Amino acid sequence: MVGSDWRAVIGWYDAAAGSCEDKLQLLFMMYDRDRSGSLSRTEVSEMIRFVYNQTIHCTRLLICTRRHRP
């Protein structure tokens, strides 16, 4: 199950300095949860589901915040 550990890694990635290759390696490590060296359908599916759910959550927060502005 994808949890808060992904949020910390994604937040770090946004602020991280480094080359494109360094960032791609980090992304691969995020997907490769079992550290097998390859990506399974389940690993990719979990990450896509997490990103989708976070997008929905942020969108709802934005809509809610806009409704309550004076």
C-alpha atoms as a PDB file:
ATOM      1  CA  MET A   1       0.000   0.000   0.000  1.00  0.00           C
ATOM      2  CA  VAL A   2       1.294   3.437  -0.877  1.00  0.00           C
ATOM      3  CA  GLY A   3       1.512   5.657   2.183  1.00  0.00           C
ATOM      4  CA  SER A   4       3.012   8.784   3.598  1.00  0.00           C
ATOM      5  CA  ASP A   5       6.545   7.575   2.794  1.00  0.00           C
ATOM      6  CA  TRP A   6       5.856   8.478  -0.853  1.00  0.00           C
ATOM      7  CA  ARG A   7       4.864  12.017   0.112  1.00  0.00           C
ATOM      8  CA  ALA A   8       8.231  12.582   1.777  1.00  0.00           C
ATOM      9  CA  VAL A   9      10.132  11.295  -1.254  1.00  0.00           C
ATOM     10  CA  ILE A  10       8.055  13.352  -3.699  1.00  0.00           C
ATOM     11  CA  GLY A  11       8.523  16.494  -1.575  1.00  0.00           C
ATOM     12  CA  TRP A  12      12.253  15.883  -1.484  1.00  0.00           C
ATOM     13  CA  TYR A  13      12.340  15.312  -5.242  1.00  0.00           C
ATOM     14  CA  ASP A  14      10.711  18.697  -5.927  1.00  0.00           C
ATOM     15  CA  ALA A  15      13.392  20.535  -3.949  1.00  0.00           C
ATOM     16  CA  ALA A  16      16.358  18.325  -4.880  1.00  0.00           C
ATOM     17  CA  ALA A  17      19.312  19.532  -6.835  1.00  0.00           C
ATOM     18  CA  GLY A  18      20.962  17.117  -9.182  1.00  0.00           C
ATOM     19  CA  SER A  19      21.204  15.980 -12.736  1.00  0.00           C
ATOM     20  CA  CYS A  20      18.367  14.542 -14.783  1.00  0.00           C
ATOM     21  CA  GLU A  21      19.934  11.107 -14.371  1.00  0.00           C
ATOM     22  CA  ASP A  22      19.971  11.497 -10.576  1.00  0.00           C
ATOM     23  CA  LYS A  23      16.290  12.401 -10.573  1.00  0.00           C
ATOM     24  CA  LEU A  24      15.392   9.556 -12.929  1.00  0.00           C
ATOM     25  CA  GLN A  25      17.231   7.143 -10.623  1.00  0.00           C
ATOM     26  CA  LEU A  26      15.204   8.484  -7.689  1.00  0.00           C
ATOM     27  CA  LEU A  27      11.960   8.023  -9.609  1.00  0.00           C
ATOM     28  CA  PHE A  28      12.930   4.463 -10.519  1.00  0.00           C
ATOM     29  CA  MET A  29      13.697   3.725  -6.872  1.00  0.00           C
ATOM     30  CA  MET A  30      10.259   5.089  -5.926  1.00  0.00           C
ATOM     31  CA  TYR A  31       8.552   2.708  -8.340  1.00  0.00           C
ATOM     32  CA  ASP A  32      10.746  -0.318  -7.584  1.00  0.00           C
ATOM     33  CA  ARG A  33       9.298  -0.947  -4.124  1.00  0.00           C
ATOM     34  CA  ASP A  34      10.594  -4.517  -3.787  1.00  0.00           C
ATOM     35  CA  ARG A  35      14.079  -3.501  -5.020  1.00  0.00           C
ATOM     36  CA  SER A  36      14.061  -6.209  -7.699  1.00  0.00           C
ATOM     37  CA  GLY A  37      15.709  -3.985 -10.298  1.00  0.00           C
ATOM     38  CA  SER A  38      12.644  -4.025 -12.537  1.00  0.00           C
ATOM     39  CA  LEU A  39       9.172  -2.547 -12.362  1.00  0.00           C
ATOM     40  CA  SER A  40       6.174  -4.780 -11.933  1.00  0.00           C
ATOM     41  CA  ARG A  41       2.675  -3.919 -13.076  1.00  0.00           C
ATOM     42  CA  THR A  42       1.631  -3.742  -9.412  1.00  0.00           C
ATOM     43  CA  GLU A  43       4.367  -1.238  -8.515  1.00  0.00           C
ATOM     44  CA  VAL A  44       3.503   1.072 -11.397  1.00  0.00           C
ATOM     45  CA  SER A  45      -0.218   0.705 -10.699  1.00  0.00           C
ATOM     46  CA  GLU A  46       0.248   1.648  -7.026  1.00  0.00           C
ATOM     47  CA  MET A  47       2.194   4.767  -7.916  1.00  0.00           C
ATOM     48  CA  ILE A  48      -0.335   5.872 -10.535  1.00  0.00           C
ATOM     49  CA  ARG A  49      -3.144   5.284  -8.055  1.00  0.00           C
ATOM     50  CA  PHE A  50      -1.310   7.319  -5.403  1.00  0.00           C
ATOM     51  CA  VAL A  51      -0.685  10.262  -7.753  1.00  0.00           C
ATOM     52  CA  TYR A  52      -4.315  10.172  -8.930  1.00  0.00           C
ATOM     53  CA  ASN A  53      -5.658  10.122  -5.361  1.00  0.00           C
ATOM     54  CA  GLN A  54      -3.359  12.974  -4.323  1.00  0.00           C
ATOM     55  CA  THR A  55      -4.511  15.016  -7.323  1.00  0.00           C
ATOM     56  CA  ILE A  56      -8.172  14.446  -6.400  1.00  0.00           C
ATOM     57  CA  HIS A  57      -7.461  15.340  -2.757  1.00  0.00           C
ATOM     58  CA  CYS A  58      -5.644  18.567  -3.686  1.00  0.00           C
ATOM     59  CA  THR A  59      -8.383  19.536  -6.142  1.00  0.00           C
ATOM     60  CA  ARG A  60     -11.048  19.074  -3.477  1.00  0.00           C
ATOM     61  CA  LEU A  61      -9.044  21.191  -1.034  1.00  0.00           C
ATOM     62  CA  LEU A  62      -8.658  23.930  -3.628  1.00  0.00           C
ATOM     63  CA  ILE A  63     -12.391  23.929  -4.425  1.00  0.00           C
ATOM     64  CA  CYS A  64     -13.281  23.966  -0.739  1.00  0.00           C
ATOM     65  CA  THR A  65     -10.838  26.820  -0.048  1.00  0.00           C
ATOM     66  CA  ARG A  66     -12.245  28.906  -2.907  1.00  0.00           C
ATOM     67  CA  ARG A  67     -15.823  28.439  -1.642  1.00  0.00           C
ATOM     68  CA  HIS A  68     -14.934  29.824   1.771  1.00  0.00           C
ATOM     69  CA  ARG A  69     -13.134  32.966   0.605  1.00  0.00           C
ATOM     70  CA  PRO A  70     -14.900  36.235   1.416  1.00  0.00           C
END
